[in-house]
Amino acid sequence: LFDAVNCLAKGNARLLVLGRKHMLSNSSNWKREIMKEIQNKAEFFFAENISEDDAFLLYATLQSGKHCKFVTRDFLRDHKACLSDSVTRHLFRKWQRGHQIAFSHSTEGKGIKFL
């Protein structure tokens, strides 16, 4: 998360990070000082820990306009499976391909690479 936000912030992108409230607790996965640094570069919305945050992600992306992109490692297969017909599933996949940014760790082991 830290690498992704830093990389996107360099391009002066307006960023919203959707997460869960447990990210605010100091732990081995979420260091308080790193989270504070990220919060200086992005807006945050923290959902309840038990919530399904994909719905927030999809809503925020759709409400932010046609040029909005989202970054997640989730392929949203559960959401596609809930769509009632093949035409709607096709439209969702087409929209997803145009708006989802995937990333991987760089081969050099430093930072990330957006695909």
Protein backbone atom coordinates (compact mmCIF):
# COMPACT_ATOMS: atom_id res chain seq x y z
CA LEU A 1 0.00 0.00 0.00
CA PHE A 2 2.79 2.39 0.94
CA ASP A 3 4.60 1.83 -2.38
CA ALA A 4 1.41 2.13 -4.45
CA VAL A 5 0.33 5.39 -2.79
CA ASN A 6 3.81 6.89 -3.09
CA CYS A 7 4.05 5.99 -6.76
CA LEU A 8 0.59 7.33 -7.63
CA ALA A 9 1.05 10.47 -5.50
CA LYS A 10 4.13 11.40 -7.54
CA GLY A 11 1.85 11.78 -10.56
CA ASN A 12 -0.33 14.24 -8.63
CA ALA A 13 -3.22 11.79 -8.71
CA ARG A 14 -6.11 12.41 -6.37
CA LEU A 15 -6.16 9.30 -4.19
CA LEU A 16 -8.75 7.60 -2.01
CA VAL A 17 -7.67 4.57 -0.01
CA LEU A 18 -10.48 2.29 1.07
CA GLY A 19 -9.56 0.07 3.96
CA ARG A 20 -10.80 -1.45 7.15
CA LYS A 21 -10.57 -0.02 10.64
CA HIS A 22 -8.02 -2.63 11.77
CA MET A 23 -5.49 -0.83 9.56
CA LEU A 24 -5.44 1.98 12.14
CA SER A 25 -4.14 -0.32 14.88
CA ASN A 26 -0.40 -0.63 15.23
CA SER A 27 0.48 -4.20 14.20
CA SER A 28 3.04 -6.17 12.27
CA ASN A 29 1.13 -5.47 9.05
CA TRP A 30 0.09 -1.86 9.70
CA LYS A 31 2.66 0.46 11.28
CA ARG A 32 1.08 3.60 12.70
CA GLU A 33 3.83 5.94 11.43
CA ILE A 34 3.60 4.53 7.90
CA MET A 35 -0.19 4.88 7.92
CA LYS A 36 0.15 8.52 9.02
CA GLU A 37 2.54 9.17 6.13
CA ILE A 38 0.11 7.56 3.68
CA GLN A 39 -2.75 9.63 5.10
CA ASN A 40 -0.80 12.78 4.21
CA LYS A 41 -0.85 11.75 0.54
CA ALA A 42 -4.36 10.33 0.20
CA GLU A 43 -7.89 10.55 1.50
CA PHE A 44 -9.02 7.54 3.51
CA PHE A 45 -12.27 5.74 4.21
CA PHE A 46 -12.19 2.97 6.79
CA ALA A 47 -15.04 0.46 6.72
CA GLU A 48 -15.91 -1.83 9.60
CA ASN A 49 -13.62 -4.85 9.86
CA ILE A 50 -16.43 -7.27 9.05
CA SER A 51 -17.72 -5.33 6.06
CA GLU A 52 -17.41 -6.22 2.42
CA ASP A 53 -15.31 -3.32 1.19
CA ASP A 54 -15.65 -4.19 -2.52
CA ALA A 55 -19.03 -2.46 -2.64
CA PHE A 56 -17.39 0.75 -1.34
CA LEU A 57 -14.66 0.40 -3.95
CA LEU A 58 -17.10 -0.01 -6.83
CA TYR A 59 -19.36 2.80 -5.63
CA ALA A 60 -16.48 5.25 -5.12
CA THR A 61 -15.05 4.46 -8.55
CA LEU A 62 -18.38 4.88 -10.32
CA GLN A 63 -19.21 8.10 -8.46
CA SER A 64 -15.79 9.62 -9.19
CA GLY A 65 -16.32 9.85 -12.93
CA LYS A 66 -15.52 8.04 -16.11
CA HIS A 67 -11.76 8.65 -15.88
CA CYS A 68 -11.42 7.23 -12.37
CA LYS A 69 -9.21 4.17 -11.96
CA PHE A 70 -8.98 1.73 -9.07
CA VAL A 71 -6.17 -0.46 -7.84
CA THR A 72 -6.81 -3.81 -6.20
CA ARG A 73 -5.46 -7.33 -6.38
CA ASP A 74 -9.04 -8.62 -6.27
CA PHE A 75 -10.44 -9.69 -9.63
CA LEU A 76 -14.02 -9.12 -8.36
CA ARG A 77 -15.14 -12.58 -9.57
CA ASP A 78 -17.81 -12.82 -6.87
CA HIS A 79 -19.41 -9.64 -8.16
CA LYS A 80 -19.35 -10.79 -11.77
CA ALA A 81 -20.93 -14.09 -10.73
CA CYS A 82 -23.86 -12.24 -9.12
CA LEU A 83 -24.79 -10.48 -12.35
CA SER A 84 -27.93 -11.94 -13.84
CA ASP A 85 -27.12 -12.30 -17.53
CA SER A 86 -24.20 -12.65 -19.91
CA VAL A 87 -24.66 -9.19 -21.44
CA THR A 88 -24.36 -7.51 -18.04
CA ARG A 89 -21.36 -9.67 -17.11
CA HIS A 90 -19.71 -8.71 -20.41
CA LEU A 91 -20.34 -5.00 -19.76
CA PHE A 92 -18.93 -5.32 -16.23
CA ARG A 93 -15.76 -7.05 -17.52
CA LYS A 94 -15.35 -4.38 -20.19
CA TRP A 95 -15.76 -1.59 -17.61
CA GLN A 96 -13.36 -3.39 -15.26
CA ARG A 97 -10.67 -3.73 -17.94
CA GLY A 98 -10.90 0.00 -18.60
CA HIS A 99 -10.73 1.08 -14.97
CA GLN A 100 -8.81 -1.47 -12.90
CA ILE A 101 -5.07 -1.11 -12.53
CA ALA A 102 -3.18 -4.20 -11.51
CA PHE A 103 0.27 -4.16 -9.97
CA SER A 104 3.08 -6.50 -9.18
CA HIS A 105 6.33 -6.20 -7.33
CA SER A 106 9.15 -5.17 -9.62
CA THR A 107 11.67 -7.77 -10.68
CA GLU A 108 14.45 -5.79 -9.00
CA GLY A 109 12.63 -6.19 -5.68
CA LYS A 110 12.25 -2.44 -5.22
CA GLY A 111 8.81 -0.89 -5.35
CA ILE A 112 5.96 -1.99 -7.55
CA LYS A 113 5.10 -2.02 -11.22
CA PHE A 114 1.66 -1.02 -12.49
CA LEU A 115 0.30 -3.11 -15.33
